[in-house]
Protein backbone atom coordinates (compact mmCIF):
# COMPACT_ATOMS: atom_id res chain seq x y z
CA MET A 1 27.02 -67.47 73.42
CA ALA A 2 25.07 -66.27 76.45
CA VAL A 3 26.82 -64.08 78.99
CA LYS A 4 25.10 -62.97 82.19
CA VAL A 5 25.48 -59.24 82.90
CA LEU A 6 24.81 -57.84 86.37
CA ILE A 7 23.45 -54.30 86.05
CA PRO A 8 24.03 -51.88 88.94
CA THR A 9 20.97 -50.27 90.50
CA PRO A 10 21.65 -46.76 89.08
CA LEU A 11 21.63 -48.17 85.51
CA GLN A 12 18.64 -50.47 85.89
CA LYS A 13 16.24 -47.68 84.91
CA PHE A 14 17.87 -47.88 81.46
CA THR A 15 17.49 -51.69 81.20
CA ASN A 16 13.75 -51.83 81.87
CA ASN A 17 14.46 -52.24 85.60
CA GLN A 18 16.30 -55.50 85.04
CA ALA A 19 19.11 -56.32 87.46
CA THR A 20 20.42 -59.07 85.18
CA VAL A 21 20.44 -59.31 81.40
CA GLU A 22 21.84 -61.90 79.03
CA CYS A 23 23.80 -60.97 75.94
CA SER A 24 25.66 -62.81 73.22
CA SER A 25 29.15 -61.33 72.99
CA SER A 26 32.67 -62.62 72.53
CA SER A 27 34.49 -59.73 74.27
CA ILE A 28 33.83 -56.89 76.68
CA ALA A 29 33.95 -54.37 73.81
CA GLU A 30 31.33 -56.35 71.91
CA LEU A 31 29.26 -56.70 75.09
CA LEU A 32 29.23 -52.92 75.57
CA ASP A 33 28.19 -52.50 71.91
CA THR A 34 25.38 -55.01 72.42
CA LEU A 35 24.15 -53.37 75.62
CA GLU A 36 24.13 -49.97 73.95
CA HIS A 37 22.24 -51.39 70.98
CA ILE A 38 19.59 -53.14 73.09
CA TYR A 39 19.38 -50.35 75.68
CA PRO A 40 20.30 -47.10 73.85
CA ASP A 41 19.99 -44.97 76.99
CA THR A 42 23.03 -46.74 78.46
CA LYS A 43 25.29 -45.41 75.70
CA ASN A 44 26.62 -42.28 77.42
CA ARG A 45 26.70 -43.97 80.80
CA LEU A 46 28.93 -46.93 79.96
CA ARG A 47 31.63 -45.35 77.77
CA ASP A 48 33.22 -41.96 77.35
CA GLU A 49 33.52 -40.04 74.08
CA THR A 50 36.62 -42.06 73.11
CA GLY A 51 34.78 -45.37 73.49
CA LYS A 52 36.57 -46.46 76.67
CA PRO A 53 34.62 -47.55 79.75
CA ARG A 54 33.93 -44.59 82.00
CA ARG A 55 36.49 -44.08 84.75
CA PHE A 56 33.91 -44.46 87.50
CA LEU A 57 32.80 -47.90 86.26
CA ASN A 58 34.60 -51.10 87.15
CA ILE A 59 33.92 -54.13 85.00
CA TYR A 60 34.57 -57.66 86.20
CA VAL A 61 34.46 -60.98 84.36
CA ASN A 62 33.90 -63.83 86.80
CA SER A 63 35.10 -61.56 89.64
CA GLU A 64 38.31 -60.55 87.79
CA ASP A 65 38.80 -56.85 87.06
CA ILE A 66 39.21 -56.36 83.29
CA ARG A 67 41.99 -53.84 83.99
CA PHE A 68 44.11 -56.81 85.07
CA LEU A 69 42.99 -58.94 82.14
CA ASP A 70 42.86 -57.63 78.55
CA GLY A 71 40.72 -54.56 79.17
CA THR A 72 37.86 -54.29 76.69
CA ASP A 73 39.55 -57.00 74.60
CA THR A 74 38.94 -59.49 77.41
CA PRO A 75 37.34 -62.54 75.78
CA LEU A 76 34.00 -63.89 76.97
CA LYS A 77 32.69 -67.42 76.77
CA GLU A 78 29.38 -69.13 77.36
CA GLY A 79 28.30 -68.86 80.99
CA ASP A 80 30.62 -66.01 81.98
CA GLU A 81 29.28 -63.47 84.44
CA VAL A 82 30.07 -59.81 83.87
CA SER A 83 29.54 -57.33 86.68
CA ILE A 84 29.34 -53.60 86.08
CA VAL A 85 30.15 -51.87 89.34
CA PRO A 86 30.07 -48.12 89.86
CA ALA A 87 33.09 -46.81 91.75
CA VAL A 88 32.38 -45.43 95.18
CA ALA A 89 34.35 -42.55 96.64
CA GLY A 90 34.29 -41.27 100.12
CA GLY A 91 36.16 -39.13 102.45
């Protein structure tokens, strides 16, 4: 099951400078596992020491924030688009 993942510019150096990658995953948790397996340098940048997505990363499935879905248990299906978006703060 191919899922399109949009990689933010700061993380592209860890995905061989690819802005988009395709993964086979049935949930966000599995997708993060897959990304970390294929691109080991992303491991500490995607999840904290407890295995949860880092606070400064927002993850969307088809433009829906996973925090308002099922979190990392959010299911994925063929053709879904997952966006990883770094949070931006200002003042």
